């Protein structure tokens, strides 16, 4: 893997989470992924880069913040900044991966843009570097862009995992789980160096980040 080359102070802009220009009536975009869910995912993956974070809430030690937006910056280590996160140890044999829990934006506009961008980055940056891409979204398979960007398009994902029940995302101001999630979640996976023929595998994921069968 490429050595990190991360220097310089972080500007105030880099400390802000990815945010879209959404009306005040829309949900905020800086909810954090439940730690228990991430613990389950770390049984399979070791997250080396967080593609949508601020320096305080990153899932990995290196991240892309609002100033170095993942929508315009290649998802590579050299373009990230060091975050304040020291991730817990991963399981032996965990696969290195890029993590992305993107902002949703007004009517899903930002999520759509991140999925479209993620598909090309999985092909052009993550995959060639030996990194899976793991992306957490609201489960909205009824919208057209979900099919065009995640299940179709030039580089469809290899796996889709739907959560059983709704995840309780963390309010960053209070540090507590909030019960305002109005939909389930979907985990999209683009695997490095492997393409699944005939479309993605579809599975069921518990709220502790482990498949319904009990293990990855």
N, C-alpha and C. Protein backbone atom coordinates (compact mmCIF):
# COMPACT_ATOMS: atom_id res chain seq x y z
N UNK A 1 0.83 -1.20 0.00
CA UNK A 1 0.00 0.00 0.00
C UNK A 1 0.87 1.26 0.00
N UNK A 2 0.31 2.36 -0.45
CA UNK A 2 1.03 3.62 -0.48
C UNK A 2 1.23 4.14 0.92
N UNK A 3 2.47 4.62 1.21
CA UNK A 3 2.73 5.21 2.51
C UNK A 3 1.96 6.51 2.65
N UNK A 4 1.58 6.82 3.87
CA UNK A 4 0.86 8.05 4.12
C UNK A 4 1.80 9.24 3.99
N UNK A 5 1.31 10.30 3.41
CA UNK A 5 2.08 11.53 3.30
C UNK A 5 1.16 12.66 3.69
N UNK A 6 0.88 12.76 4.99
CA UNK A 6 -0.15 13.68 5.48
C UNK A 6 0.49 14.70 6.39
N UNK A 7 0.53 15.93 5.94
CA UNK A 7 1.16 16.98 6.73
C UNK A 7 0.26 18.19 6.73
N UNK A 8 0.59 19.14 7.63
CA UNK A 8 -0.15 20.40 7.65
C UNK A 8 -1.25 20.42 8.68
N UNK A 9 -1.60 21.62 9.11
CA UNK A 9 -2.66 21.80 10.09
C UNK A 9 -4.01 21.71 9.41
N UNK A 10 -5.01 21.32 10.16
CA UNK A 10 -6.36 21.24 9.61
C UNK A 10 -7.05 22.59 9.77
N UNK A 11 -7.69 23.02 8.71
CA UNK A 11 -8.42 24.28 8.76
C UNK A 11 -9.77 24.06 9.43
N UNK A 12 -10.45 25.14 9.84
CA UNK A 12 -11.80 24.96 10.40
C UNK A 12 -12.74 24.24 9.47
N UNK A 13 -12.60 24.46 8.14
CA UNK A 13 -13.47 23.78 7.20
C UNK A 13 -13.28 22.28 7.25
N UNK A 14 -12.04 21.83 7.50
CA UNK A 14 -11.77 20.40 7.52
C UNK A 14 -12.36 19.73 8.75
N UNK A 15 -12.74 20.52 9.75
CA UNK A 15 -13.31 19.95 10.95
C UNK A 15 -14.82 19.77 10.85
N UNK A 16 -15.40 20.24 9.77
CA UNK A 16 -16.84 20.10 9.61
C UNK A 16 -17.16 18.81 8.88
N UNK A 17 -18.25 18.15 9.24
CA UNK A 17 -18.65 16.97 8.48
C UNK A 17 -19.17 17.35 7.11
N UNK A 18 -19.25 16.37 6.22
CA UNK A 18 -19.85 16.63 4.91
C UNK A 18 -21.28 17.11 5.12
N UNK A 19 -21.63 18.21 4.53
CA UNK A 19 -22.99 18.74 4.65
C UNK A 19 -23.44 19.22 3.28
N UNK A 20 -24.69 19.02 2.99
CA UNK A 20 -25.26 19.56 1.77
C UNK A 20 -26.04 20.83 2.09
N UNK A 21 -26.40 21.57 1.07
CA UNK A 21 -27.23 22.74 1.26
C UNK A 21 -28.68 22.30 1.29
N UNK A 22 -29.11 21.87 2.45
CA UNK A 22 -30.45 21.32 2.59
C UNK A 22 -31.30 22.25 3.44
N UNK A 23 -32.60 22.27 3.23
CA UNK A 23 -33.48 23.11 4.02
C UNK A 23 -33.42 22.73 5.50
N UNK A 24 -33.70 23.68 6.38
CA UNK A 24 -33.65 23.41 7.81
C UNK A 24 -34.67 22.37 8.24
N UNK A 25 -35.68 22.18 7.43
CA UNK A 25 -36.69 21.18 7.77
C UNK A 25 -36.21 19.77 7.50
N UNK A 26 -35.11 19.63 6.73
CA UNK A 26 -34.59 18.31 6.42
C UNK A 26 -33.71 17.80 7.56
N UNK A 27 -33.54 16.50 7.65
CA UNK A 27 -32.73 15.90 8.67
C UNK A 27 -31.28 16.34 8.51
N UNK A 28 -30.57 16.43 9.61
CA UNK A 28 -29.16 16.79 9.58
C UNK A 28 -28.36 15.65 8.98
N UNK A 29 -27.13 15.95 8.56
CA UNK A 29 -26.34 14.99 7.81
C UNK A 29 -25.09 14.51 8.56
N UNK A 30 -25.00 14.76 9.87
CA UNK A 30 -23.78 14.38 10.57
C UNK A 30 -24.00 13.28 11.61
N UNK A 31 -25.06 12.49 11.44
CA UNK A 31 -25.28 11.36 12.35
C UNK A 31 -24.14 10.37 12.22
N UNK A 32 -23.76 9.77 13.35
CA UNK A 32 -22.63 8.85 13.36
C UNK A 32 -23.11 7.40 13.41
N UNK A 33 -22.32 6.52 12.81
CA UNK A 33 -22.66 5.10 12.76
C UNK A 33 -22.57 4.48 14.15
N UNK A 34 -23.54 3.67 14.55
CA UNK A 34 -23.49 3.03 15.87
C UNK A 34 -22.23 2.20 16.05
N UNK A 35 -21.48 2.38 17.14
CA UNK A 35 -20.24 1.61 17.35
C UNK A 35 -20.46 0.10 17.35
N UNK A 36 -21.59 -0.36 17.88
CA UNK A 36 -21.83 -1.81 17.92
C UNK A 36 -21.96 -2.38 16.50
N UNK A 37 -22.53 -1.59 15.60
CA UNK A 37 -22.65 -2.02 14.20
C UNK A 37 -21.27 -2.11 13.56
N UNK A 38 -20.43 -1.12 13.82
CA UNK A 38 -19.08 -1.12 13.27
C UNK A 38 -18.26 -2.28 13.83
N UNK A 39 -18.47 -2.61 15.10
CA UNK A 39 -17.74 -3.73 15.70
C UNK A 39 -18.00 -5.02 14.93
N UNK A 40 -19.25 -5.21 14.52
CA UNK A 40 -19.57 -6.40 13.74
C UNK A 40 -18.90 -6.39 12.38
N UNK A 41 -18.88 -5.22 11.74
CA UNK A 41 -18.24 -5.12 10.43
C UNK A 41 -16.74 -5.35 10.52
N UNK A 42 -16.14 -4.97 11.64
CA UNK A 42 -14.69 -5.14 11.79
C UNK A 42 -14.29 -6.60 11.96
N UNK A 43 -15.25 -7.47 12.10
CA UNK A 43 -14.93 -8.89 12.06
C UNK A 43 -14.52 -9.32 10.65
N UNK A 44 -14.94 -8.53 9.67
CA UNK A 44 -14.59 -8.84 8.27
C UNK A 44 -13.61 -7.85 7.67
N UNK A 45 -13.73 -6.55 8.04
CA UNK A 45 -12.93 -5.52 7.40
C UNK A 45 -12.07 -4.74 8.39
N UNK A 46 -10.97 -4.24 7.89
CA UNK A 46 -10.13 -3.27 8.61
C UNK A 46 -10.21 -1.96 7.82
N UNK A 47 -10.86 -0.95 8.42
CA UNK A 47 -11.12 0.29 7.69
C UNK A 47 -9.89 1.19 7.73
N UNK A 48 -9.32 1.41 6.55
CA UNK A 48 -8.09 2.18 6.43
C UNK A 48 -8.34 3.63 6.08
N UNK A 49 -9.50 3.93 5.48
CA UNK A 49 -9.83 5.30 5.06
C UNK A 49 -11.32 5.51 5.23
N UNK A 50 -11.71 6.65 5.80
CA UNK A 50 -13.11 7.05 5.90
C UNK A 50 -13.35 8.14 4.86
N UNK A 51 -14.23 7.89 3.92
CA UNK A 51 -14.41 8.80 2.78
C UNK A 51 -15.42 9.91 3.03
N UNK A 52 -16.06 9.96 4.20
CA UNK A 52 -17.03 11.03 4.48
C UNK A 52 -17.06 11.26 5.99
N UNK A 53 -16.22 12.15 6.47
CA UNK A 53 -16.09 12.29 7.92
C UNK A 53 -15.62 13.69 8.29
N UNK A 54 -15.53 13.96 9.59
CA UNK A 54 -14.72 15.06 10.07
C UNK A 54 -13.65 14.45 10.98
N UNK A 55 -12.75 15.27 11.49
CA UNK A 55 -11.61 14.72 12.22
C UNK A 55 -12.01 14.11 13.56
N UNK A 56 -13.22 14.44 14.04
CA UNK A 56 -13.64 13.95 15.34
C UNK A 56 -14.46 12.68 15.28
N UNK A 57 -15.12 12.40 14.15
CA UNK A 57 -16.04 11.26 14.13
C UNK A 57 -15.65 10.19 13.12
N UNK A 58 -14.40 10.22 12.64
CA UNK A 58 -13.97 9.28 11.61
C UNK A 58 -13.95 7.85 12.12
N UNK A 59 -14.20 6.93 11.22
CA UNK A 59 -14.15 5.50 11.53
C UNK A 59 -12.73 4.97 11.37
N UNK A 60 -11.90 5.68 10.60
CA UNK A 60 -10.52 5.26 10.33
C UNK A 60 -9.55 6.35 10.79
N UNK A 61 -8.28 6.02 10.80
CA UNK A 61 -7.26 6.97 11.22
C UNK A 61 -6.97 8.01 10.15
N UNK A 62 -7.45 7.76 8.93
CA UNK A 62 -7.27 8.69 7.81
C UNK A 62 -8.62 8.92 7.17
N UNK A 63 -8.91 10.18 6.83
CA UNK A 63 -10.23 10.46 6.28
C UNK A 63 -10.24 11.58 5.27
N UNK A 64 -11.33 11.64 4.52
CA UNK A 64 -11.61 12.75 3.61
C UNK A 64 -12.69 13.60 4.26
N UNK A 65 -12.40 14.87 4.47
CA UNK A 65 -13.33 15.77 5.14
C UNK A 65 -14.03 16.66 4.12
N UNK A 66 -14.80 17.61 4.62
CA UNK A 66 -15.57 18.46 3.72
C UNK A 66 -14.68 19.26 2.77
N UNK A 67 -13.54 19.72 3.26
CA UNK A 67 -12.68 20.53 2.41
C UNK A 67 -12.05 19.68 1.31
N UNK A 68 -11.66 18.45 1.66
CA UNK A 68 -11.12 17.53 0.66
C UNK A 68 -12.22 16.54 0.30
N UNK A 69 -13.25 17.06 -0.28
CA UNK A 69 -14.49 16.31 -0.48
C UNK A 69 -14.28 15.07 -1.33
N UNK A 70 -14.88 13.98 -0.89
CA UNK A 70 -14.80 12.73 -1.64
C UNK A 70 -15.48 12.82 -2.99
N UNK A 71 -16.33 13.83 -3.19
CA UNK A 71 -17.01 13.98 -4.48
C UNK A 71 -16.09 14.54 -5.55
N UNK A 72 -14.93 15.07 -5.14
CA UNK A 72 -14.00 15.62 -6.13
C UNK A 72 -12.57 15.13 -5.95
N UNK A 73 -12.29 14.44 -4.84
CA UNK A 73 -10.94 13.97 -4.53
C UNK A 73 -10.86 12.46 -4.68
N UNK A 74 -9.81 11.94 -5.31
CA UNK A 74 -9.65 10.48 -5.38
C UNK A 74 -9.59 9.86 -3.98
N UNK A 75 -10.23 8.72 -3.82
CA UNK A 75 -10.30 8.07 -2.51
C UNK A 75 -9.03 7.27 -2.27
N UNK A 76 -7.95 7.98 -2.00
CA UNK A 76 -6.63 7.39 -1.80
C UNK A 76 -6.03 7.95 -0.52
N UNK A 77 -5.13 7.17 0.09
CA UNK A 77 -4.53 7.58 1.35
C UNK A 77 -3.85 8.94 1.25
N UNK A 78 -3.15 9.17 0.15
CA UNK A 78 -2.36 10.38 0.01
C UNK A 78 -3.21 11.63 0.04
N UNK A 79 -4.51 11.52 -0.21
CA UNK A 79 -5.39 12.68 -0.23
C UNK A 79 -6.13 12.88 1.09
N UNK A 80 -5.96 11.99 2.02
CA UNK A 80 -6.66 12.09 3.29
C UNK A 80 -5.88 12.90 4.31
N UNK A 81 -6.52 13.12 5.45
CA UNK A 81 -5.85 13.78 6.58
C UNK A 81 -5.94 12.85 7.78
N UNK A 82 -5.05 13.02 8.70
CA UNK A 82 -5.10 12.22 9.92
C UNK A 82 -6.27 12.70 10.78
N UNK A 83 -7.00 11.77 11.31
CA UNK A 83 -8.13 12.10 12.16
C UNK A 83 -7.75 11.87 13.62
N UNK A 84 -8.68 12.13 14.50
CA UNK A 84 -8.45 11.93 15.93
C UNK A 84 -8.82 10.52 16.39
N UNK A 85 -9.17 9.68 15.44
CA UNK A 85 -9.66 8.35 15.76
C UNK A 85 -8.51 7.35 15.81
N UNK A 86 -8.50 6.53 16.86
CA UNK A 86 -7.63 5.37 16.91
C UNK A 86 -8.54 4.15 16.87
N UNK A 87 -8.71 3.54 15.69
CA UNK A 87 -9.66 2.44 15.57
C UNK A 87 -9.26 1.25 16.44
N UNK A 88 -10.23 0.52 16.95
CA UNK A 88 -9.92 -0.68 17.72
C UNK A 88 -9.31 -1.75 16.82
N UNK A 89 -8.62 -2.71 17.40
CA UNK A 89 -8.01 -3.76 16.58
C UNK A 89 -9.06 -4.53 15.79
N UNK A 90 -8.70 -4.87 14.57
CA UNK A 90 -9.58 -5.68 13.73
C UNK A 90 -9.29 -7.16 13.97
N UNK A 91 -10.18 -7.99 13.51
CA UNK A 91 -9.99 -9.42 13.64
C UNK A 91 -8.83 -9.87 12.74
N UNK A 92 -8.11 -10.92 13.14
CA UNK A 92 -7.05 -11.45 12.28
C UNK A 92 -7.62 -11.82 10.91
N UNK A 93 -6.91 -11.43 9.87
CA UNK A 93 -7.36 -11.73 8.52
C UNK A 93 -8.38 -10.76 7.97
N UNK A 94 -8.68 -9.70 8.70
CA UNK A 94 -9.65 -8.71 8.21
C UNK A 94 -9.16 -8.08 6.91
N UNK A 95 -10.10 -7.84 6.01
CA UNK A 95 -9.77 -7.30 4.69
C UNK A 95 -9.67 -5.77 4.76
N UNK A 96 -8.59 -5.18 4.25
CA UNK A 96 -8.51 -3.71 4.25
C UNK A 96 -9.59 -3.10 3.37
N UNK A 97 -10.15 -1.99 3.83
CA UNK A 97 -11.30 -1.43 3.11
C UNK A 97 -11.40 0.08 3.33
N UNK A 98 -12.11 0.72 2.43
CA UNK A 98 -12.53 2.11 2.58
C UNK A 98 -13.96 2.11 3.11
N UNK A 99 -14.22 2.95 4.11
CA UNK A 99 -15.56 3.07 4.70
C UNK A 99 -16.20 4.37 4.24
N UNK A 100 -17.50 4.34 3.99
CA UNK A 100 -18.21 5.56 3.63
C UNK A 100 -19.66 5.47 4.13
N UNK A 101 -19.99 6.33 5.06
CA UNK A 101 -21.37 6.55 5.49
C UNK A 101 -21.72 7.96 5.06
N UNK A 102 -22.19 8.14 3.82
CA UNK A 102 -22.32 9.49 3.26
C UNK A 102 -23.51 10.25 3.83
N UNK A 103 -23.46 11.58 3.72
CA UNK A 103 -24.64 12.37 4.06
C UNK A 103 -25.76 12.09 3.08
N UNK A 104 -26.98 12.24 3.54
CA UNK A 104 -28.12 11.92 2.68
C UNK A 104 -28.51 13.11 1.80
N UNK A 105 -28.57 14.30 2.39
CA UNK A 105 -28.92 15.47 1.61
C UNK A 105 -30.41 15.56 1.33
N UNK A 106 -30.78 16.61 0.61
CA UNK A 106 -32.18 16.86 0.32
C UNK A 106 -32.70 15.81 -0.66
N UNK A 107 -33.68 15.00 -0.19
CA UNK A 107 -34.29 13.95 -1.01
C UNK A 107 -33.26 12.97 -1.57
N UNK A 108 -32.20 12.74 -0.81
CA UNK A 108 -31.22 11.74 -1.20
C UNK A 108 -30.22 12.18 -2.24
N UNK A 109 -30.17 13.49 -2.54
CA UNK A 109 -29.29 13.94 -3.62
C UNK A 109 -27.83 13.66 -3.32
N UNK A 110 -27.38 13.91 -2.08
CA UNK A 110 -25.99 13.68 -1.75
C UNK A 110 -25.67 12.19 -1.72
N UNK A 111 -26.57 11.39 -1.19
CA UNK A 111 -26.35 9.94 -1.17
C UNK A 111 -26.20 9.42 -2.59
N UNK A 112 -27.04 9.88 -3.49
CA UNK A 112 -26.94 9.47 -4.89
C UNK A 112 -25.58 9.82 -5.46
N UNK A 113 -25.12 11.04 -5.20
CA UNK A 113 -23.83 11.48 -5.74
C UNK A 113 -22.69 10.65 -5.16
N UNK A 114 -22.78 10.32 -3.87
CA UNK A 114 -21.72 9.54 -3.24
C UNK A 114 -21.69 8.11 -3.77
N UNK A 115 -22.85 7.52 -4.02
CA UNK A 115 -22.87 6.16 -4.55
C UNK A 115 -22.30 6.13 -5.97
N UNK A 116 -22.70 7.09 -6.79
CA UNK A 116 -22.16 7.16 -8.15
C UNK A 116 -20.65 7.36 -8.13
N UNK A 117 -20.20 8.23 -7.24
CA UNK A 117 -18.75 8.48 -7.11
C UNK A 117 -18.05 7.25 -6.55
N UNK A 118 -18.67 6.60 -5.55
CA UNK A 118 -18.07 5.43 -4.94
C UNK A 118 -17.86 4.30 -5.94
N UNK A 119 -18.82 4.11 -6.84
CA UNK A 119 -18.69 3.04 -7.83
C UNK A 119 -17.46 3.25 -8.70
N UNK A 120 -17.25 4.47 -9.16
CA UNK A 120 -16.08 4.72 -10.00
C UNK A 120 -14.79 4.65 -9.19
N UNK A 121 -14.84 5.09 -7.92
CA UNK A 121 -13.64 5.01 -7.08
C UNK A 121 -13.30 3.57 -6.72
N UNK A 122 -14.31 2.72 -6.55
CA UNK A 122 -14.06 1.30 -6.32
C UNK A 122 -13.32 0.69 -7.50
N UNK A 123 -13.67 1.13 -8.69
CA UNK A 123 -13.03 0.62 -9.90
C UNK A 123 -11.63 1.21 -10.10
N UNK A 124 -11.49 2.53 -9.89
CA UNK A 124 -10.27 3.23 -10.29
C UNK A 124 -9.24 3.39 -9.19
N UNK A 125 -9.69 3.48 -7.91
CA UNK A 125 -8.76 3.77 -6.81
C UNK A 125 -8.71 2.64 -5.78
N UNK A 126 -9.86 2.29 -5.21
CA UNK A 126 -9.89 1.34 -4.10
C UNK A 126 -9.48 -0.05 -4.55
N UNK A 127 -10.14 -0.55 -5.58
CA UNK A 127 -9.86 -1.90 -6.06
C UNK A 127 -8.40 -2.10 -6.45
N UNK A 128 -7.83 -1.23 -7.30
CA UNK A 128 -6.43 -1.40 -7.67
C UNK A 128 -5.47 -1.33 -6.47
N UNK A 129 -5.86 -0.66 -5.40
CA UNK A 129 -5.03 -0.60 -4.18
C UNK A 129 -5.28 -1.78 -3.25
N UNK A 130 -6.16 -2.71 -3.67
CA UNK A 130 -6.44 -3.87 -2.84
C UNK A 130 -7.41 -3.61 -1.70
N UNK A 131 -8.25 -2.58 -1.86
CA UNK A 131 -9.19 -2.18 -0.82
C UNK A 131 -10.63 -2.45 -1.25
N UNK A 132 -11.38 -3.15 -0.42
CA UNK A 132 -12.84 -3.19 -0.61
C UNK A 132 -13.40 -1.80 -0.35
N UNK A 133 -14.57 -1.53 -0.89
CA UNK A 133 -15.31 -0.32 -0.55
C UNK A 133 -16.61 -0.75 0.12
N UNK A 134 -16.85 -0.23 1.33
CA UNK A 134 -18.03 -0.58 2.11
C UNK A 134 -18.80 0.71 2.38
N UNK A 135 -20.05 0.77 1.93
CA UNK A 135 -20.84 2.00 2.03
C UNK A 135 -22.17 1.72 2.69
N UNK A 136 -22.50 2.55 3.68
CA UNK A 136 -23.76 2.42 4.43
C UNK A 136 -24.73 3.49 3.97
N UNK A 137 -25.95 3.07 3.58
CA UNK A 137 -26.96 3.98 3.07
C UNK A 137 -28.31 3.69 3.71
N UNK A 138 -29.22 4.62 3.53
CA UNK A 138 -30.61 4.30 3.82
C UNK A 138 -31.10 3.28 2.80
N UNK A 139 -31.91 2.35 3.25
CA UNK A 139 -32.42 1.30 2.35
C UNK A 139 -33.55 1.87 1.51
N UNK A 140 -33.21 2.36 0.32
CA UNK A 140 -34.21 2.97 -0.56
C UNK A 140 -34.14 2.35 -1.95
N UNK A 141 -34.36 1.03 -2.06
CA UNK A 141 -34.29 0.40 -3.38
C UNK A 141 -35.44 0.78 -4.29
N UNK A 142 -36.37 1.60 -3.79
CA UNK A 142 -37.49 2.02 -4.62
C UNK A 142 -37.14 3.23 -5.49
N UNK A 143 -35.99 3.87 -5.23
CA UNK A 143 -35.64 5.06 -6.02
C UNK A 143 -34.76 4.65 -7.20
N UNK A 144 -34.85 5.41 -8.26
CA UNK A 144 -34.18 5.04 -9.51
C UNK A 144 -32.67 5.04 -9.36
N UNK A 145 -32.10 6.04 -8.64
CA UNK A 145 -30.64 6.14 -8.59
C UNK A 145 -30.01 4.95 -7.86
N UNK A 146 -30.75 4.31 -6.93
CA UNK A 146 -30.22 3.15 -6.24
C UNK A 146 -29.91 2.04 -7.25
N UNK A 147 -30.80 1.87 -8.21
CA UNK A 147 -30.61 0.84 -9.23
C UNK A 147 -29.57 1.27 -10.26
N UNK A 148 -29.58 2.54 -10.63
CA UNK A 148 -28.67 3.00 -11.66
C UNK A 148 -27.23 3.09 -11.18
N UNK A 149 -27.03 3.48 -9.90
CA UNK A 149 -25.68 3.72 -9.39
C UNK A 149 -25.11 2.53 -8.62
N UNK A 150 -25.96 1.84 -7.85
CA UNK A 150 -25.47 0.75 -7.01
C UNK A 150 -25.59 -0.61 -7.68
N UNK A 151 -26.74 -0.87 -8.28
CA UNK A 151 -26.99 -2.19 -8.86
C UNK A 151 -26.69 -2.25 -10.35
N UNK A 152 -26.56 -1.09 -10.98
CA UNK A 152 -26.27 -1.04 -12.41
C UNK A 152 -25.13 -0.08 -12.67
N UNK A 153 -25.15 0.54 -13.82
CA UNK A 153 -24.10 1.49 -14.16
C UNK A 153 -22.81 0.79 -14.57
N UNK A 154 -21.73 1.56 -14.68
CA UNK A 154 -20.48 1.00 -15.19
C UNK A 154 -19.79 0.04 -14.22
N UNK A 155 -20.08 0.14 -12.91
CA UNK A 155 -19.37 -0.71 -11.94
C UNK A 155 -20.30 -1.00 -10.75
N UNK A 156 -21.26 -1.90 -10.93
CA UNK A 156 -22.22 -2.20 -9.85
C UNK A 156 -21.53 -2.87 -8.67
N UNK A 157 -22.16 -2.77 -7.51
CA UNK A 157 -21.58 -3.37 -6.31
C UNK A 157 -21.69 -4.89 -6.38
N UNK A 158 -20.92 -5.56 -5.52
CA UNK A 158 -20.89 -7.02 -5.49
C UNK A 158 -21.80 -7.62 -4.43
N UNK A 159 -22.11 -6.84 -3.40
CA UNK A 159 -22.95 -7.34 -2.32
C UNK A 159 -23.87 -6.23 -1.82
N UNK A 160 -25.09 -6.59 -1.46
CA UNK A 160 -26.02 -5.68 -0.79
C UNK A 160 -26.55 -6.39 0.46
N UNK A 161 -26.35 -5.77 1.61
CA UNK A 161 -26.84 -6.33 2.87
C UNK A 161 -27.87 -5.38 3.47
N UNK A 162 -29.09 -5.85 3.65
CA UNK A 162 -30.15 -5.04 4.26
C UNK A 162 -30.22 -5.36 5.75
N UNK A 163 -30.34 -4.31 6.56
CA UNK A 163 -30.40 -4.51 8.01
C UNK A 163 -31.79 -5.01 8.42
N UNK A 164 -31.79 -5.86 9.42
CA UNK A 164 -33.03 -6.28 10.05
C UNK A 164 -33.36 -5.25 11.13
N UNK A 165 -34.31 -4.40 10.85
CA UNK A 165 -34.63 -3.33 11.77
C UNK A 165 -33.86 -2.06 11.42
N UNK A 166 -34.08 -1.03 12.20
CA UNK A 166 -33.49 0.29 11.94
C UNK A 166 -32.35 0.56 12.90
N UNK A 167 -31.22 1.02 12.35
CA UNK A 167 -30.08 1.37 13.18
C UNK A 167 -30.37 2.66 13.95
N UNK A 168 -29.89 2.72 15.18
CA UNK A 168 -30.02 3.93 16.00
C UNK A 168 -28.73 4.73 15.87
N UNK A 169 -28.72 5.70 14.95
CA UNK A 169 -27.52 6.49 14.72
C UNK A 169 -27.27 7.43 15.90
N UNK A 170 -26.02 7.86 16.02
CA UNK A 170 -25.58 8.62 17.19
C UNK A 170 -25.66 10.13 16.91
N UNK A 171 -26.30 10.85 17.81
CA UNK A 171 -26.33 12.30 17.75
C UNK A 171 -24.95 12.81 18.18
N UNK A 172 -24.21 13.47 17.30
CA UNK A 172 -22.85 13.89 17.64
C UNK A 172 -22.77 14.94 18.73
N UNK A 173 -23.84 15.70 18.92
CA UNK A 173 -23.82 16.73 19.96
C UNK A 173 -24.01 16.14 21.35
N UNK A 174 -24.86 15.13 21.44
CA UNK A 174 -25.13 14.51 22.74
C UNK A 174 -24.34 13.23 22.96
N UNK A 175 -23.86 12.64 21.88
CA UNK A 175 -23.14 11.38 22.00
C UNK A 175 -24.04 10.22 22.36
N UNK A 176 -25.33 10.34 22.05
CA UNK A 176 -26.30 9.31 22.40
C UNK A 176 -27.06 8.85 21.16
N UNK A 177 -27.54 7.62 21.24
CA UNK A 177 -28.33 7.09 20.13
C UNK A 177 -29.66 7.82 20.05
N UNK A 178 -30.09 8.10 18.83
CA UNK A 178 -31.36 8.78 18.60
C UNK A 178 -32.33 7.82 17.94
N UNK A 179 -33.59 7.97 18.24
CA UNK A 179 -34.60 7.07 17.69
C UNK A 179 -35.38 7.66 16.56
N UNK A 180 -34.75 8.51 15.75
CA UNK A 180 -35.46 9.23 14.70
C UNK A 180 -35.28 8.60 13.31
N UNK A 181 -34.54 7.49 13.21
CA UNK A 181 -34.34 6.89 11.90
C UNK A 181 -35.66 6.37 11.36
N UNK A 182 -35.99 6.77 10.14
CA UNK A 182 -37.30 6.44 9.58
C UNK A 182 -37.25 5.29 8.58
N UNK A 183 -36.07 4.72 8.37
CA UNK A 183 -35.96 3.63 7.41
C UNK A 183 -34.86 2.67 7.84
N UNK A 184 -34.84 1.50 7.23
CA UNK A 184 -33.75 0.58 7.45
C UNK A 184 -32.50 1.04 6.73
N UNK A 185 -31.46 0.23 6.77
CA UNK A 185 -30.20 0.60 6.13
C UNK A 185 -29.75 -0.50 5.19
N UNK A 186 -28.91 -0.11 4.24
CA UNK A 186 -28.34 -1.06 3.29
C UNK A 186 -26.83 -0.87 3.26
N UNK A 187 -26.11 -1.96 3.31
CA UNK A 187 -24.65 -1.95 3.22
C UNK A 187 -24.26 -2.43 1.83
N UNK A 188 -23.60 -1.56 1.07
CA UNK A 188 -23.13 -1.91 -0.27
C UNK A 188 -21.65 -2.24 -0.21
N UNK A 189 -21.25 -3.28 -0.90
CA UNK A 189 -19.85 -3.72 -0.88
C UNK A 189 -19.35 -3.89 -2.31
N UNK A 190 -18.25 -3.20 -2.61
CA UNK A 190 -17.49 -3.44 -3.85
C UNK A 190 -16.21 -4.15 -3.44
N UNK A 191 -15.99 -5.34 -3.91
CA UNK A 191 -14.84 -6.13 -3.51
C UNK A 191 -13.66 -5.91 -4.44
N UNK A 192 -12.48 -5.80 -3.86
CA UNK A 192 -11.27 -5.58 -4.64
C UNK A 192 -10.85 -6.86 -5.34
N UNK A 193 -10.54 -6.74 -6.63
CA UNK A 193 -9.99 -7.86 -7.36
C UNK A 193 -10.95 -8.99 -7.64
N UNK A 194 -12.24 -8.72 -7.52
CA UNK A 194 -13.22 -9.78 -7.77
C UNK A 194 -14.53 -9.16 -8.19
N UNK A 195 -15.15 -9.71 -9.21
CA UNK A 195 -16.45 -9.23 -9.66
C UNK A 195 -17.44 -10.38 -9.61
N UNK A 196 -18.61 -10.12 -9.04
CA UNK A 196 -19.62 -11.16 -8.93
C UNK A 196 -20.44 -11.23 -10.22
N UNK A 197 -20.43 -12.36 -10.92
CA UNK A 197 -21.23 -12.46 -12.14
C UNK A 197 -22.72 -12.56 -11.82
N UNK A 198 -23.53 -12.00 -12.70
CA UNK A 198 -24.97 -12.14 -12.55
C UNK A 198 -25.62 -11.22 -11.54
N UNK A 199 -24.91 -10.17 -11.10
CA UNK A 199 -25.51 -9.24 -10.15
C UNK A 199 -25.07 -9.48 -8.73
N UNK A 200 -25.36 -8.53 -7.82
CA UNK A 200 -24.85 -8.62 -6.45
C UNK A 200 -25.51 -9.72 -5.63
N UNK A 201 -24.75 -10.22 -4.67
CA UNK A 201 -25.31 -11.08 -3.63
C UNK A 201 -26.16 -10.21 -2.71
N UNK A 202 -27.30 -10.70 -2.28
CA UNK A 202 -28.18 -9.95 -1.37
C UNK A 202 -28.33 -10.76 -0.09
N UNK A 203 -28.05 -10.11 1.05
CA UNK A 203 -28.11 -10.80 2.33
C UNK A 203 -28.78 -9.95 3.40
N UNK A 204 -28.95 -10.55 4.56
CA UNK A 204 -29.61 -9.91 5.70
C UNK A 204 -28.58 -9.69 6.81
N UNK A 205 -28.60 -8.49 7.38
CA UNK A 205 -27.60 -8.09 8.36
C UNK A 205 -28.28 -7.69 9.67
N UNK A 206 -27.79 -8.23 10.75
CA UNK A 206 -28.33 -7.85 12.06
C UNK A 206 -27.85 -6.45 12.44
N UNK A 207 -28.47 -5.89 13.48
CA UNK A 207 -28.12 -4.53 13.90
C UNK A 207 -26.78 -4.46 14.62
N UNK A 208 -26.18 -5.63 14.91
CA UNK A 208 -24.83 -5.62 15.48
C UNK A 208 -23.77 -5.80 14.41
N UNK A 209 -24.15 -5.63 13.13
CA UNK A 209 -23.19 -5.65 12.04
C UNK A 209 -22.74 -7.02 11.61
N UNK A 210 -23.45 -8.07 12.00
CA UNK A 210 -23.10 -9.44 11.60
C UNK A 210 -24.24 -10.00 10.77
N UNK A 211 -23.92 -10.86 9.79
CA UNK A 211 -24.98 -11.47 8.99
C UNK A 211 -25.98 -12.23 9.86
N UNK A 212 -27.19 -12.37 9.33
CA UNK A 212 -28.25 -13.05 10.09
C UNK A 212 -27.86 -14.46 10.48
N UNK A 213 -26.97 -15.08 9.71
CA UNK A 213 -26.51 -16.44 10.05
C UNK A 213 -25.57 -16.48 11.24
N UNK A 214 -25.04 -15.33 11.66
CA UNK A 214 -24.24 -15.28 12.88
C UNK A 214 -22.75 -15.05 12.68
N UNK A 215 -22.25 -15.10 11.46
CA UNK A 215 -20.82 -14.89 11.23
C UNK A 215 -20.60 -14.50 9.79
N UNK A 216 -19.49 -13.80 9.55
CA UNK A 216 -19.12 -13.44 8.19
C UNK A 216 -18.51 -14.64 7.50
